[in-house]
Protein backbone atom coordinates (compact mmCIF):
# COMPACT_ATOMS: atom_id res chain seq x y z
CA UNK A 1 -24.46 -67.71 56.29
CA UNK A 2 -26.62 -66.68 53.38
CA UNK A 3 -27.99 -69.57 51.31
CA UNK A 4 -27.35 -67.74 48.02
CA UNK A 5 -23.65 -67.76 48.89
CA UNK A 6 -23.77 -71.56 49.16
CA UNK A 7 -24.94 -72.05 45.55
CA UNK A 8 -28.08 -73.94 46.54
CA UNK A 9 -31.25 -73.97 44.48
CA UNK A 10 -34.65 -73.67 46.15
CA UNK A 11 -35.13 -77.44 46.56
CA UNK A 12 -31.73 -77.91 48.24
CA UNK A 13 -32.21 -75.05 50.71
CA UNK A 14 -34.59 -77.19 52.78
CA UNK A 15 -32.13 -80.08 53.15
CA UNK A 16 -30.61 -79.27 56.55
CA UNK A 17 -27.80 -81.82 56.26
CA UNK A 18 -26.71 -80.53 52.85
CA UNK A 19 -26.77 -76.92 54.05
CA UNK A 20 -24.67 -77.84 57.10
CA UNK A 21 -22.15 -79.66 54.87
CA UNK A 22 -21.89 -76.64 52.57
CA UNK A 23 -21.42 -74.31 55.55
CA UNK A 24 -18.69 -76.56 56.97
CA UNK A 25 -16.94 -76.66 53.58
CA UNK A 26 -17.10 -72.86 53.33
CA UNK A 27 -15.61 -72.49 56.82
CA UNK A 28 -12.80 -74.94 56.06
CA UNK A 29 -12.04 -73.11 52.81
CA UNK A 30 -11.98 -69.76 54.61
CA UNK A 31 -9.56 -71.16 57.21
CA UNK A 32 -7.28 -72.61 54.52
CA UNK A 33 -7.21 -69.31 52.64
CA UNK A 34 -6.60 -67.30 55.82
CA UNK A 35 -3.62 -69.53 56.68
CA UNK A 36 -2.04 -69.88 53.24
CA UNK A 37 -2.61 -66.64 51.31
CA UNK A 38 -0.61 -63.47 51.94
CA UNK A 39 -0.88 -60.03 50.43
CA UNK A 40 2.03 -58.69 48.42
CA UNK A 41 2.81 -55.19 47.19
CA UNK A 42 5.51 -54.32 44.69
CA UNK A 43 7.78 -51.47 45.73
CA UNK A 44 10.98 -49.89 44.48
CA UNK A 45 14.26 -50.19 46.34
CA UNK A 46 16.64 -47.24 46.63
CA UNK A 47 18.60 -48.73 43.73
CA UNK A 48 15.50 -48.70 41.54
CA UNK A 49 15.06 -52.47 41.61
CA UNK A 50 11.69 -54.10 42.18
CA UNK A 51 11.00 -55.59 45.59
CA UNK A 52 7.96 -57.16 47.20
CA UNK A 53 6.57 -56.33 50.62
CA UNK A 54 4.60 -59.23 52.07
CA UNK A 55 1.85 -58.83 54.65
CA UNK A 56 1.62 -61.78 57.02
CA UNK A 57 -1.11 -62.03 59.63
CA UNK A 58 -1.25 -63.87 62.95
CA UNK A 59 -3.07 -66.70 61.14
CA UNK A 60 -0.49 -67.19 58.38
CA UNK A 61 1.22 -70.56 58.54
CA UNK A 62 4.96 -70.42 58.19
CA UNK A 63 6.12 -73.91 57.42
CA UNK A 64 9.33 -75.49 56.34
CA UNK A 65 9.59 -76.57 52.75
CA UNK A 66 11.52 -79.75 53.48
CA UNK A 67 8.90 -81.91 51.78
CA UNK A 68 9.25 -79.76 48.67
CA UNK A 69 13.03 -79.55 48.77
CA UNK A 70 13.49 -83.30 49.35
CA UNK A 71 10.45 -85.08 47.91
CA UNK A 72 10.17 -88.84 48.21
CA UNK A 73 11.29 -90.68 45.06
CA UNK A 74 8.52 -91.36 42.61
CA UNK A 75 8.54 -94.21 40.11
CA UNK A 76 8.71 -93.24 36.47
CA UNK A 77 5.48 -93.37 34.51
CA UNK A 78 6.75 -96.43 32.61
CA UNK A 79 7.48 -98.27 35.83
CA UNK A 80 4.12 -97.28 37.28
CA UNK A 81 2.29 -98.61 34.22
CA UNK A 82 4.27 -101.83 34.38
CA UNK A 83 3.44 -102.28 38.05
CA UNK A 84 -0.25 -101.71 37.29
CA UNK A 85 -0.07 -104.57 34.78
CA UNK A 86 1.29 -106.85 37.46
CA UNK A 87 4.98 -106.26 36.97
CA UNK A 88 5.16 -108.38 33.84
CA UNK A 89 7.33 -107.38 30.96
CA UNK A 90 5.39 -107.08 27.75
CA UNK A 91 8.30 -106.95 25.37
CA UNK A 92 11.61 -108.66 24.89
CA UNK A 93 11.24 -111.07 27.81
CA UNK A 94 12.63 -114.51 27.29
């Protein structure tokens, strides 16, 4: 991999560990993009409506969206702030 693609200045290019970390990060990023990005092309249907043709590759991950459809309940921001303060009520407590 070219060092200019890693955004390293001349002093950092001689640090073998840093260069290896940057190369590993670049490879992980490339893998993530290859698995999660698809190409789309807008086309016209016979009715004249817009449609999208998607190009999936053998590397594209097709997952289920169950975690998105049914997310775990999250506390409200008020409750979260209260819990950060130790669960004590700051107002109107008797």
